[in-house]
Amino acid sequence: MNIALAAKVCFSTYCGRWEQPDINKQARHMIAMTRRHSVKRAIAAATLLAMAFPSVTMSAAQKSTRARPNGPPAGPAYASSITGVDCSNIVERARDLKPLLPLLRSAALKGGLQVERDEFETSETRSARQAAKLEQLLGGTRRIVAAIPLESYNFTYHADAGEMSAGGPFNEDLYHVGRDYSNRQVDLQLFRETLTTETYDASNAYGASTEVERSNKLRMALLLGKGAVQKMPRLKLDVSHAKALKASPRLLIVGELRAPFVSFSYERISPATIDYPYETRLASYGLHTKINCAVLTGGGEEFYRWTF
């Protein structure tokens, strides 16, 4: 086999060990990042990288694509805002809800969602500690009441038929990729974002080398258990209502956390090759949740309702 061809094939199939910069460069980079950015942002990034991306080695070319958050609302404020909210009044009360997603996102970045199991404690004890941690985060409640933006979903209006179509917000097997069908979960994605991107020089034992761009992503979803995905049927809408829905689609949910409460996975979902030098690493949090109802709204008006 031609040596150049062998190098290309082996690089694409991960023959040999990729060589990356010395791990000490990561520490030097974090110091430099602290100088360039705020201390708070550097600590948050370092915490997530240590938790979810232990093998990441930064380069001086790192760039952050994450916007600086304004700060999540306090847990007690969230808990107070959802008092008395249920499936019968969620649409009317949605405007008064304190946002849940920034609260969960901030906790995930700081490593504050999970509790580590001690080897001497039972699963029941660990589950109780996990529940207590989440209750404290949410201001003393296990209830999940939130308005989830759906701008990323492809809502399409068919003017001749007067119908709006979309795939629906519920996903199957996005959290447990590749497992047996009987173990697949239905989930509801809360958010997915790119936290950082960086570049590094990679090479293999055959001498093939390239610069790889790596993206570190964070995803969070509600895990709804096993079952069939509930699709959204085509909705009969006039033009004005269709425009209102497409302009600001939101999913209002009412539910409650349940054991085992939190799952976490870390995947390299897009390995780099010499022909495609891009790598994606995904840290996924799943909150086990019993959903009572989910309501599709736009412009404050209800368009469709799922019950569970």
C-alpha atoms as a PDB file:
ATOM      1  CA  MET A   1       0.000   0.000   0.000  1.00  0.00           C
ATOM      2  CA  ASN A   2       1.187   3.502  -0.808  1.00  0.00           C
ATOM      3  CA  ILE A   3       2.621   5.076   2.386  1.00  0.00           C
ATOM      4  CA  ALA A   4       0.634   8.288   1.969  1.00  0.00           C
ATOM      5  CA  LEU A   5      -2.566   6.286   1.417  1.00  0.00           C
ATOM      6  CA  ALA A   6      -1.830   4.117   4.450  1.00  0.00           C
ATOM      7  CA  ALA A   7      -1.332   7.218   6.557  1.00  0.00           C
ATOM      8  CA  LYS A   8      -4.633   8.640   5.364  1.00  0.00           C
ATOM      9  CA  VAL A   9      -6.572   5.441   6.027  1.00  0.00           C
ATOM     10  CA  CYS A  10      -4.993   4.915   9.410  1.00  0.00           C
ATOM     11  CA  PHE A  11      -5.604   8.497  10.481  1.00  0.00           C
ATOM     12  CA  SER A  12      -9.280   8.165   9.570  1.00  0.00           C
ATOM     13  CA  THR A  13      -9.603   4.937  11.567  1.00  0.00           C
ATOM     14  CA  TYR A  14      -7.512   6.100  14.518  1.00  0.00           C
ATOM     15  CA  CYS A  15      -4.527   3.794  14.036  1.00  0.00           C
ATOM     16  CA  GLY A  16      -1.769   4.753  16.374  1.00  0.00           C
ATOM     17  CA  ARG A  17      -1.920   7.360  19.088  1.00  0.00           C
ATOM     18  CA  TRP A  18      -2.660  10.967  18.394  1.00  0.00           C
ATOM     19  CA  GLU A  19      -0.128  13.271  19.928  1.00  0.00           C
ATOM     20  CA  GLN A  20      -1.436  16.393  21.601  1.00  0.00           C
ATOM     21  CA  PRO A  21       0.386  19.189  23.423  1.00  0.00           C
ATOM     22  CA  ASP A  22       1.705  18.632  26.908  1.00  0.00           C
ATOM     23  CA  ILE A  23      -0.990  18.701  29.621  1.00  0.00           C
ATOM     24  CA  ASN A  24       0.873  21.556  31.332  1.00  0.00           C
ATOM     25  CA  LYS A  25      -0.210  23.783  28.470  1.00  0.00           C
ATOM     26  CA  GLN A  26      -3.774  23.420  29.708  1.00  0.00           C
ATOM     27  CA  ALA A  27      -2.845  24.953  33.040  1.00  0.00           C
ATOM     28  CA  ARG A  28      -0.952  27.772  31.329  1.00  0.00           C
ATOM     29  CA  HIS A  29      -3.916  28.388  29.070  1.00  0.00           C
ATOM     30  CA  MET A  30      -6.322  28.597  32.006  1.00  0.00           C
ATOM     31  CA  ILE A  31      -4.052  31.195  33.640  1.00  0.00           C
ATOM     32  CA  ALA A  32      -4.001  33.198  30.423  1.00  0.00           C
ATOM     33  CA  MET A  33      -7.751  32.885  30.108  1.00  0.00           C
ATOM     34  CA  THR A  34      -8.167  34.235  33.617  1.00  0.00           C
ATOM     35  CA  ARG A  35      -6.239  37.330  32.591  1.00  0.00           C
ATOM     36  CA  ARG A  36      -8.179  37.820  29.374  1.00  0.00           C
ATOM     37  CA  HIS A  37     -11.628  37.148  30.780  1.00  0.00           C
ATOM     38  CA  SER A  38     -13.338  37.458  34.112  1.00  0.00           C
ATOM     39  CA  VAL A  39     -12.257  35.152  36.913  1.00  0.00           C
ATOM     40  CA  LYS A  40     -15.789  33.838  37.242  1.00  0.00           C
ATOM     41  CA  ARG A  41     -15.960  32.792  33.601  1.00  0.00           C
ATOM     42  CA  ALA A  42     -12.580  31.069  33.730  1.00  0.00           C
ATOM     43  CA  ILE A  43     -13.525  29.090  36.835  1.00  0.00           C
ATOM     44  CA  ALA A  44     -16.822  27.999  35.277  1.00  0.00           C
ATOM     45  CA  ALA A  45     -15.075  26.875  32.091  1.00  0.00           C
ATOM     46  CA  ALA A  46     -12.366  25.027  34.006  1.00  0.00           C
ATOM     47  CA  THR A  47     -14.959  23.260  36.160  1.00  0.00           C
ATOM     48  CA  LEU A  48     -16.934  22.004  33.184  1.00  0.00           C
ATOM     49  CA  LEU A  49     -13.828  20.933  31.291  1.00  0.00           C
ATOM     50  CA  ALA A  50     -12.544  18.996  34.279  1.00  0.00           C
ATOM     51  CA  MET A  51     -15.937  17.360  34.800  1.00  0.00           C
ATOM     52  CA  ALA A  52     -16.982  16.552  31.247  1.00  0.00           C
ATOM     53  CA  PHE A  53     -13.942  16.927  29.031  1.00  0.00           C
ATOM     54  CA  PRO A  54     -10.980  15.577  31.022  1.00  0.00           C
ATOM     55  CA  SER A  55      -8.772  15.048  27.967  1.00  0.00           C
ATOM     56  CA  VAL A  56      -9.200  18.522  26.504  1.00  0.00           C
ATOM     57  CA  THR A  57      -5.945  20.365  25.888  1.00  0.00           C
ATOM     58  CA  MET A  58      -6.482  24.001  25.005  1.00  0.00           C
ATOM     59  CA  SER A  59      -4.521  25.923  22.428  1.00  0.00           C
ATOM     60  CA  ALA A  60      -3.788  29.613  22.398  1.00  0.00           C
ATOM     61  CA  ALA A  61      -6.297  29.883  19.579  1.00  0.00           C
ATOM     62  CA  GLN A  62      -9.246  28.955  21.795  1.00  0.00           C
ATOM     63  CA  LYS A  63     -12.336  31.020  21.296  1.00  0.00           C
ATOM     64  CA  SER A  64     -15.518  31.004  23.328  1.00  0.00           C
ATOM     65  CA  THR A  65     -18.866  31.109  21.561  1.00  0.00           C
ATOM     66  CA  ARG A  66     -20.915  31.266  24.738  1.00  0.00           C
ATOM     67  CA  ALA A  67     -22.592  34.525  25.613  1.00  0.00           C
ATOM     68  CA  ARG A  68     -22.119  35.816  29.135  1.00  0.00           C
ATOM     69  CA  PRO A  69     -25.263  34.974  31.138  1.00  0.00           C
ATOM     70  CA  ASN A  70     -27.084  37.636  33.096  1.00  0.00           C
ATOM     71  CA  GLY A  71     -27.292  35.309  36.082  1.00  0.00           C
ATOM     72  CA  PRO A  72     -30.026  32.802  36.942  1.00  0.00           C
ATOM     73  CA  PRO A  73     -32.938  33.651  39.209  1.00  0.00           C
ATOM     74  CA  ALA A  74     -32.765  32.414  42.774  1.00  0.00           C
ATOM     75  CA  GLY A  75     -34.323  29.024  43.445  1.00  0.00           C
ATOM     76  CA  PRO A  76     -36.863  30.394  45.952  1.00  0.00           C
ATOM     77  CA  ALA A  77     -38.060  32.933  43.377  1.00  0.00           C
ATOM     78  CA  TYR A  78     -38.668  30.115  40.893  1.00  0.00           C
ATOM     79  CA  ALA A  79     -40.486  28.002  43.497  1.00  0.00           C
ATOM     80  CA  SER A  80     -42.671  30.935  44.488  1.00  0.00           C
ATOM     81  CA  SER A  81     -43.600  31.704  40.879  1.00  0.00           C
ATOM     82  CA  ILE A  82     -44.903  28.177  40.197  1.00  0.00           C
ATOM     83  CA  THR A  83     -47.055  27.937  43.337  1.00  0.00           C
ATOM     84  CA  GLY A  84     -50.598  27.063  42.308  1.00  0.00           C
ATOM     85  CA  VAL A  85     -49.687  26.530  38.646  1.00  0.00           C
ATOM     86  CA  ASP A  86     -51.086  23.348  37.093  1.00  0.00           C
ATOM     87  CA  CYS A  87     -52.290  22.063  33.739  1.00  0.00           C
ATOM     88  CA  SER A  88     -55.564  23.979  34.032  1.00  0.00           C
ATOM     89  CA  ASN A  89     -53.978  27.431  34.297  1.00  0.00           C
ATOM     90  CA  ILE A  90     -50.450  27.084  32.869  1.00  0.00           C
ATOM     91  CA  VAL A  91     -51.270  29.200  29.789  1.00  0.00           C
ATOM     92  CA  GLU A  92     -52.663  32.078  31.856  1.00  0.00           C
ATOM     93  CA  ARG A  93     -49.826  31.932  34.405  1.00  0.00           C
ATOM     94  CA  ALA A  94     -46.952  31.432  31.935  1.00  0.00           C
ATOM     95  CA  ARG A  95     -46.039  35.115  31.860  1.00  0.00           C
ATOM     96  CA  ASP A  96     -45.408  35.131  35.625  1.00  0.00           C
ATOM     97  CA  LEU A  97     -43.083  32.101  35.683  1.00  0.00           C
ATOM     98  CA  LYS A  98     -39.458  32.656  36.644  1.00  0.00           C
ATOM     99  CA  PRO A  99     -37.253  31.038  33.966  1.00  0.00           C
ATOM    100  CA  LEU A 100     -36.042  27.558  34.870  1.00  0.00           C
ATOM    101  CA  LEU A 101     -33.512  26.982  32.098  1.00  0.00           C
ATOM    102  CA  PRO A 102     -30.894  29.553  33.239  1.00  0.00           C
ATOM    103  CA  LEU A 103     -31.041  28.067  36.729  1.00  0.00           C
ATOM    104  CA  LEU A 104     -30.341  24.541  35.455  1.00  0.00           C
ATOM    105  CA  ARG A 105     -27.701  25.710  32.982  1.00  0.00           C
ATOM    106  CA  SER A 106     -25.765  27.604  35.630  1.00  0.00           C
ATOM    107  CA  ALA A 107     -25.802  24.593  37.958  1.00  0.00           C
ATOM    108  CA  ALA A 108     -24.588  22.295  35.161  1.00  0.00           C
ATOM    109  CA  LEU A 109     -21.667  24.588  34.326  1.00  0.00           C
ATOM    110  CA  LYS A 110     -20.630  24.615  37.977  1.00  0.00           C
ATOM    111  CA  GLY A 111     -21.012  20.839  38.380  1.00  0.00           C
ATOM    112  CA  GLY A 112     -23.851  21.395  40.832  1.00  0.00           C
ATOM    113  CA  LEU A 113     -26.495  19.010  39.494  1.00  0.00           C
ATOM    114  CA  GLN A 114     -25.129  15.614  40.473  1.00  0.00           C
ATOM    115  CA  VAL A 115     -24.015  14.051  43.735  1.00  0.00           C
ATOM    116  CA  GLU A 116     -21.264  11.455  43.739  1.00  0.00           C
ATOM    117  CA  ARG A 117     -22.071   8.091  45.253  1.00  0.00           C
ATOM    118  CA  ASP A 118     -19.960   6.973  48.184  1.00  0.00           C
ATOM    119  CA  GLU A 119     -18.931   3.319  48.054  1.00  0.00           C
ATOM    120  CA  PHE A 120     -20.415   2.734  51.516  1.00  0.00           C
ATOM    121  CA  GLU A 121     -23.880   4.144  50.800  1.00  0.00           C
ATOM    122  CA  THR A 122     -26.846   2.408  49.226  1.00  0.00           C
ATOM    123  CA  SER A 123     -28.566   3.459  46.038  1.00  0.00           C
ATOM    124  CA  GLU A 124     -31.539   4.581  48.117  1.00  0.00           C
ATOM    125  CA  THR A 125     -29.368   6.857  50.244  1.00  0.00           C
ATOM    126  CA  ARG A 126     -27.653   8.321  47.224  1.00  0.00           C
ATOM    127  CA  SER A 127     -31.017   8.932  45.520  1.00  0.00           C
ATOM    128  CA  ALA A 128     -32.272  10.760  48.613  1.00  0.00           C
ATOM    129  CA  ARG A 129     -29.198  13.014  48.609  1.00  0.00           C
ATOM    130  CA  GLN A 130     -29.664  13.681  44.902  1.00  0.00           C
ATOM    131  CA  ALA A 131     -33.297  14.639  45.451  1.00  0.00           C
ATOM    132  CA  ALA A 132     -32.343  16.964  48.296  1.00  0.00           C
ATOM    133  CA  LYS A 133     -29.709  18.672  46.139  1.00  0.00           C
ATOM    134  CA  LEU A 134     -32.168  19.355  43.335  1.00  0.00           C
ATOM    135  CA  GLU A 135     -34.845  20.526  45.751  1.00  0.00           C
ATOM    136  CA  GLN A 136     -32.383  23.002  47.234  1.00  0.00           C
ATOM    137  CA  LEU A 137     -31.466  24.242  43.758  1.00  0.00           C
ATOM    138  CA  LEU A 138     -35.130  24.735  42.836  1.00  0.00           C
ATOM    139  CA  GLY A 139     -36.025  26.525  46.049  1.00  0.00           C
ATOM    140  CA  GLY A 140     -37.566  23.623  47.960  1.00  0.00           C
ATOM    141  CA  THR A 141     -39.600  21.902  45.248  1.00  0.00           C
ATOM    142  CA  ARG A 142     -39.296  18.974  42.845  1.00  0.00           C
ATOM    143  CA  ARG A 143     -41.818  20.455  40.426  1.00  0.00           C
ATOM    144  CA  ILE A 144     -40.792  21.299  36.879  1.00  0.00           C
ATOM    145  CA  VAL A 145     -42.899  24.120  35.442  1.00  0.00           C
ATOM    146  CA  ALA A 146     -41.338  25.940  32.538  1.00  0.00           C
ATOM    147  CA  ALA A 147     -41.762  27.700  29.209  1.00  0.00           C
ATOM    148  CA  ILE A 148     -39.367  26.241  26.631  1.00  0.00           C
ATOM    149  CA  PRO A 149     -38.638  28.251  23.459  1.00  0.00           C
ATOM    150  CA  LEU A 150     -39.077  26.265  20.239  1.00  0.00           C
ATOM    151  CA  GLU A 151     -37.563  28.685  17.710  1.00  0.00           C
ATOM    152  CA  SER A 152     -35.195  25.999  16.439  1.00  0.00           C
ATOM    153  CA  TYR A 153     -38.048  23.720  15.344  1.00  0.00           C
ATOM    154  CA  ASN A 154     -39.121  23.827  11.717  1.00  0.00           C
ATOM    155  CA  PHE A 155     -42.712  25.054  11.719  1.00  0.00           C
ATOM    156  CA  THR A 156     -43.992  25.072   8.140  1.00  0.00           C
ATOM    157  CA  TYR A 157     -47.258  26.625   6.987  1.00  0.00           C
ATOM    158  CA  HIS A 158     -49.087  25.117   4.008  1.00  0.00           C
ATOM    159  CA  ALA A 159     -51.185  28.021   2.758  1.00  0.00           C
ATOM    160  CA  ASP A 160     -53.313  26.057   0.269  1.00  0.00           C
ATOM    161  CA  ALA A 161     -54.404  23.596   2.955  1.00  0.00           C
ATOM    162  CA  GLY A 162     -54.413  26.139   5.785  1.00  0.00           C
ATOM    163  CA  GLU A 163     -52.277  23.832   7.937  1.00  0.00           C
ATOM    164  CA  MET A 164     -49.177  24.179  10.079  1.00  0.00           C
ATOM    165  CA  SER A 165     -46.831  21.204  10.442  1.00  0.00           C
ATOM    166  CA  ALA A 166     -43.822  20.449  12.637  1.00  0.00           C
ATOM    167  CA  GLY A 167     -42.044  17.380  13.889  1.00  0.00           C
ATOM    168  CA  GLY A 168     -42.922  18.040  17.501  1.00  0.00           C
ATOM    169  CA  PRO A 169     -40.614  18.671  20.461  1.00  0.00           C
ATOM    170  CA  PHE A 170     -40.308  15.116  21.770  1.00  0.00           C
ATOM    171  CA  ASN A 171     -37.333  12.998  20.733  1.00  0.00           C
ATOM    172  CA  GLU A 172     -36.589   9.304  20.875  1.00  0.00           C
ATOM    173  CA  ASP A 173     -33.190   7.863  21.706  1.00  0.00           C
ATOM    174  CA  LEU A 174     -31.251  11.136  21.446  1.00  0.00           C
ATOM    175  CA  TYR A 175     -29.923  10.662  24.955  1.00  0.00           C
ATOM    176  CA  HIS A 176     -29.104   6.946  24.875  1.00  0.00           C
ATOM    177  CA  VAL A 177     -27.641   6.655  21.401  1.00  0.00           C
ATOM    178  CA  GLY A 178     -27.249   3.182  19.937  1.00  0.00           C
ATOM    179  CA  ARG A 179     -28.758   1.155  22.737  1.00  0.00           C
ATOM    180  CA  ASP A 180     -31.265  -1.639  22.368  1.00  0.00           C
ATOM    181  CA  TYR A 181     -34.712  -0.407  21.314  1.00  0.00           C
ATOM    182  CA  SER A 182     -36.340  -1.620  24.542  1.00  0.00           C
ATOM    183  CA  ASN A 183     -34.098   0.727  26.547  1.00  0.00           C
ATOM    184  CA  ARG A 184     -34.733   3.836  24.495  1.00  0.00           C
ATOM    185  CA  GLN A 185     -35.898   6.957  26.262  1.00  0.00           C
ATOM    186  CA  VAL A 186     -38.287   9.634  25.118  1.00  0.00           C
ATOM    187  CA  ASP A 187     -36.863  13.021  25.958  1.00  0.00           C
ATOM    188  CA  LEU A 188     -37.622  16.705  25.681  1.00  0.00           C
ATOM    189  CA  GLN A 189     -34.603  18.856  24.931  1.00  0.00           C
ATOM    190  CA  LEU A 190     -34.323  21.970  27.086  1.00  0.00           C
ATOM    191  CA  PHE A 191     -31.256  23.401  25.391  1.00  0.00           C
ATOM    192  CA  ARG A 192     -28.128  22.502  23.465  1.00  0.00           C
ATOM    193  CA  GLU A 193     -25.246  24.903  22.951  1.00  0.00           C
ATOM    194  CA  THR A 194     -21.591  25.162  22.055  1.00  0.00           C
ATOM    195  CA  LEU A 195     -19.570  26.185  25.103  1.00  0.00           C
ATOM    196  CA  THR A 196     -16.100  26.457  23.605  1.00  0.00           C
ATOM    197  CA  THR A 197     -14.132  25.670  20.489  1.00  0.00           C
ATOM    198  CA  GLU A 198     -10.390  25.111  20.332  1.00  0.00           C
ATOM    199  CA  THR A 199      -7.796  23.855  17.894  1.00  0.00           C
ATOM    200  CA  TYR A 200      -4.921  21.430  18.360  1.00  0.00           C
ATOM    201  CA  ASP A 201      -2.340  19.731  16.174  1.00  0.00           C
ATOM    202  CA  ALA A 202      -2.925  15.984  15.868  1.00  0.00           C
ATOM    203  CA  SER A 203      -0.820  13.285  14.256  1.00  0.00           C
ATOM    204  CA  ASN A 204      -0.696   9.504  14.146  1.00  0.00           C
ATOM    205  CA  ALA A 205       2.001   6.860  14.038  1.00  0.00           C
ATOM    206  CA  TYR A 206       2.179   7.035  10.234  1.00  0.00           C
ATOM    207  CA  GLY A 207       3.099  10.711  10.221  1.00  0.00           C
ATOM    208  CA  ALA A 208      -0.198  12.096   8.950  1.00  0.00           C
ATOM    209  CA  SER A 209      -0.966  15.349  10.731  1.00  0.00           C
ATOM    210  CA  THR A 210      -3.488  18.145  10.631  1.00  0.00           C
ATOM    211  CA  GLU A 211      -5.005  20.880  12.765  1.00  0.00           C
ATOM    212  CA  VAL A 212      -8.249  19.750  14.377  1.00  0.00           C
ATOM    213  CA  GLU A 213     -11.027  22.056  15.522  1.00  0.00           C
ATOM    214  CA  ARG A 214     -12.861  20.689  18.548  1.00  0.00           C
ATOM    215  CA  SER A 215     -16.250  21.876  19.815  1.00  0.00           C
ATOM    216  CA  ASN A 216     -17.357  21.211  23.379  1.00  0.00           C
ATOM    217  CA  LYS A 217     -21.141  21.193  23.662  1.00  0.00           C
ATOM    218  CA  LEU A 218     -23.599  21.011  26.549  1.00  0.00           C
ATOM    219  CA  ARG A 219     -27.070  19.504  26.261  1.00  0.00           C
ATOM    220  CA  MET A 220     -29.841  19.161  28.802  1.00  0.00           C
ATOM    221  CA  ALA A 221     -33.122  17.296  28.421  1.00  0.00           C
ATOM    222  CA  LEU A 222     -36.004  15.990  30.459  1.00  0.00           C
ATOM    223  CA  LEU A 223     -36.041  12.174  30.355  1.00  0.00           C
ATOM    224  CA  LEU A 224     -39.657  11.060  30.177  1.00  0.00           C
ATOM    225  CA  GLY A 225     -39.121   7.294  30.324  1.00  0.00           C
ATOM    226  CA  LYS A 226     -39.731   4.549  27.808  1.00  0.00           C
ATOM    227  CA  GLY A 227     -42.521   4.900  25.322  1.00  0.00           C
ATOM    228  CA  ALA A 228     -43.551   6.079  21.898  1.00  0.00           C
ATOM    229  CA  VAL A 229     -42.816   9.590  20.726  1.00  0.00           C
ATOM    230  CA  GLN A 230     -45.922  11.761  20.641  1.00  0.00           C
ATOM    231  CA  LYS A 231     -45.968  13.540  17.305  1.00  0.00           C
ATOM    232  CA  MET A 232     -47.717  16.822  16.643  1.00  0.00           C
ATOM    233  CA  PRO A 233     -50.490  16.544  14.045  1.00  0.00           C
ATOM    234  CA  ARG A 234     -51.012  19.165  11.371  1.00  0.00           C
ATOM    235  CA  LEU A 235     -52.866  22.107  12.857  1.00  0.00           C
ATOM    236  CA  LYS A 236     -55.703  23.822  10.996  1.00  0.00           C
ATOM    237  CA  LEU A 237     -54.824  27.520  11.283  1.00  0.00           C
ATOM    238  CA  ASP A 238     -55.634  30.701   9.421  1.00  0.00           C
ATOM    239  CA  VAL A 239     -52.757  32.911   8.307  1.00  0.00           C
ATOM    240  CA  SER A 240     -52.835  35.278  11.306  1.00  0.00           C
ATOM    241  CA  HIS A 241     -52.729  32.451  13.846  1.00  0.00           C
ATOM    242  CA  ALA A 242     -50.050  30.617  11.870  1.00  0.00           C
ATOM    243  CA  LYS A 243     -47.857  33.723  11.887  1.00  0.00           C
ATOM    244  CA  ALA A 244     -48.374  34.172  15.637  1.00  0.00           C
ATOM    245  CA  LEU A 245     -47.333  30.583  16.318  1.00  0.00           C
ATOM    246  CA  LYS A 246     -44.321  30.667  14.026  1.00  0.00           C
ATOM    247  CA  ALA A 247     -43.110  33.991  15.449  1.00  0.00           C
ATOM    248  CA  SER A 248     -42.830  32.832  19.073  1.00  0.00           C
ATOM    249  CA  PRO A 249     -43.508  29.116  19.589  1.00  0.00           C
ATOM    250  CA  ARG A 250     -43.175  27.925  23.187  1.00  0.00           C
ATOM    251  CA  LEU A 251     -43.851  24.677  24.977  1.00  0.00           C
ATOM    252  CA  LEU A 252     -45.308  25.018  28.468  1.00  0.00           C
ATOM    253  CA  ILE A 253     -44.718  21.989  30.679  1.00  0.00           C
ATOM    254  CA  VAL A 254     -45.935  20.882  34.092  1.00  0.00           C
ATOM    255  CA  GLY A 255     -44.267  17.919  35.779  1.00  0.00           C
ATOM    256  CA  GLU A 256     -42.176  16.663  38.665  1.00  0.00           C
ATOM    257  CA  LEU A 257     -38.707  15.169  39.059  1.00  0.00           C
ATOM    258  CA  ARG A 258     -38.540  11.468  39.912  1.00  0.00           C
ATOM    259  CA  ALA A 259     -35.871   8.917  40.820  1.00  0.00           C
ATOM    260  CA  PRO A 260     -33.071   8.476  39.803  1.00  0.00           C
ATOM    261  CA  PHE A 261     -33.371  12.239  39.135  1.00  0.00           C
ATOM    262  CA  VAL A 262     -30.161  12.906  37.144  1.00  0.00           C
ATOM    263  CA  SER A 263     -28.282  11.028  34.416  1.00  0.00           C
ATOM    264  CA  PHE A 264     -25.073  12.165  32.752  1.00  0.00           C
ATOM    265  CA  SER A 265     -23.247  10.989  29.661  1.00  0.00           C
ATOM    266  CA  TYR A 266     -20.183  12.160  27.767  1.00  0.00           C
ATOM    267  CA  GLU A 267     -19.751  11.279  24.105  1.00  0.00           C
ATOM    268  CA  ARG A 268     -17.420  12.058  21.258  1.00  0.00           C
ATOM    269  CA  ILE A 269     -20.240  12.216  18.750  1.00  0.00           C
ATOM    270  CA  SER A 270     -18.196  13.454  15.798  1.00  0.00           C
ATOM    271  CA  PRO A 271     -14.606  12.108  15.722  1.00  0.00           C
ATOM    272  CA  ALA A 272     -12.100  13.929  13.529  1.00  0.00           C
ATOM    273  CA  THR A 273     -10.495  12.410  10.432  1.00  0.00           C
ATOM    274  CA  ILE A 274      -7.793  13.729   8.145  1.00  0.00           C
ATOM    275  CA  ASP A 275     -10.455  14.577   5.542  1.00  0.00           C
ATOM    276  CA  TYR A 276     -12.824  16.113   8.107  1.00  0.00           C
ATOM    277  CA  PRO A 277     -10.699  17.654  10.889  1.00  0.00           C
ATOM    278  CA  TYR A 278     -13.568  18.573  13.183  1.00  0.00           C
ATOM    279  CA  GLU A 279     -14.366  16.928  16.498  1.00  0.00           C
ATOM    280  CA  THR A 280     -17.474  17.320  18.656  1.00  0.00           C
ATOM    281  CA  ARG A 281     -17.699  16.336  22.304  1.00  0.00           C
ATOM    282  CA  LEU A 282     -21.080  16.414  23.998  1.00  0.00           C
ATOM    283  CA  ALA A 283     -21.814  16.490  27.720  1.00  0.00           C
ATOM    284  CA  SER A 284     -25.477  15.533  28.241  1.00  0.00           C
ATOM    285  CA  TYR A 285     -27.540  15.947  31.375  1.00  0.00           C
ATOM    286  CA  GLY A 286     -30.892  14.218  31.684  1.00  0.00           C
ATOM    287  CA  LEU A 287     -33.432  15.066  34.373  1.00  0.00           C
ATOM    288  CA  HIS A 288     -35.817  12.171  34.996  1.00  0.00           C
ATOM    289  CA  THR A 289     -39.260  13.744  34.967  1.00  0.00           C
ATOM    290  CA  LYS A 290     -42.913  12.738  35.092  1.00  0.00           C
ATOM    291  CA  ILE A 291     -44.727  15.126  32.759  1.00  0.00           C
ATOM    292  CA  ASN A 292     -48.404  15.845  33.427  1.00  0.00           C
ATOM    293  CA  CYS A 293     -49.042  18.016  30.393  1.00  0.00           C
ATOM    294  CA  ALA A 294     -47.305  19.978  27.657  1.00  0.00           C
ATOM    295  CA  VAL A 295     -48.950  22.874  25.846  1.00  0.00           C
ATOM    296  CA  LEU A 296     -47.856  24.425  22.544  1.00  0.00           C
ATOM    297  CA  THR A 297     -48.417  28.188  22.538  1.00  0.00           C
ATOM    298  CA  GLY A 298     -47.610  31.196  20.390  1.00  0.00           C
ATOM    299  CA  GLY A 299     -48.264  34.815  21.265  1.00  0.00           C
ATOM    300  CA  GLY A 300     -49.875  33.703  24.523  1.00  0.00           C
ATOM    301  CA  GLU A 301     -52.472  31.529  22.769  1.00  0.00           C
ATOM    302  CA  GLU A 302     -52.813  27.741  23.100  1.00  0.00           C
ATOM    303  CA  PHE A 303     -52.580  25.728  19.876  1.00  0.00           C
ATOM    304  CA  TYR A 304     -52.107  22.110  20.941  1.00  0.00           C
ATOM    305  CA  ARG A 305     -51.951  20.085  24.167  1.00  0.00           C
ATOM    306  CA  TRP A 306     -50.303  16.774  25.050  1.00  0.00           C
ATOM    307  CA  THR A 307     -51.415  14.851  28.123  1.00  0.00           C
ATOM    308  CA  PHE A 308     -49.502  11.970  29.702  1.00  0.00           C
END
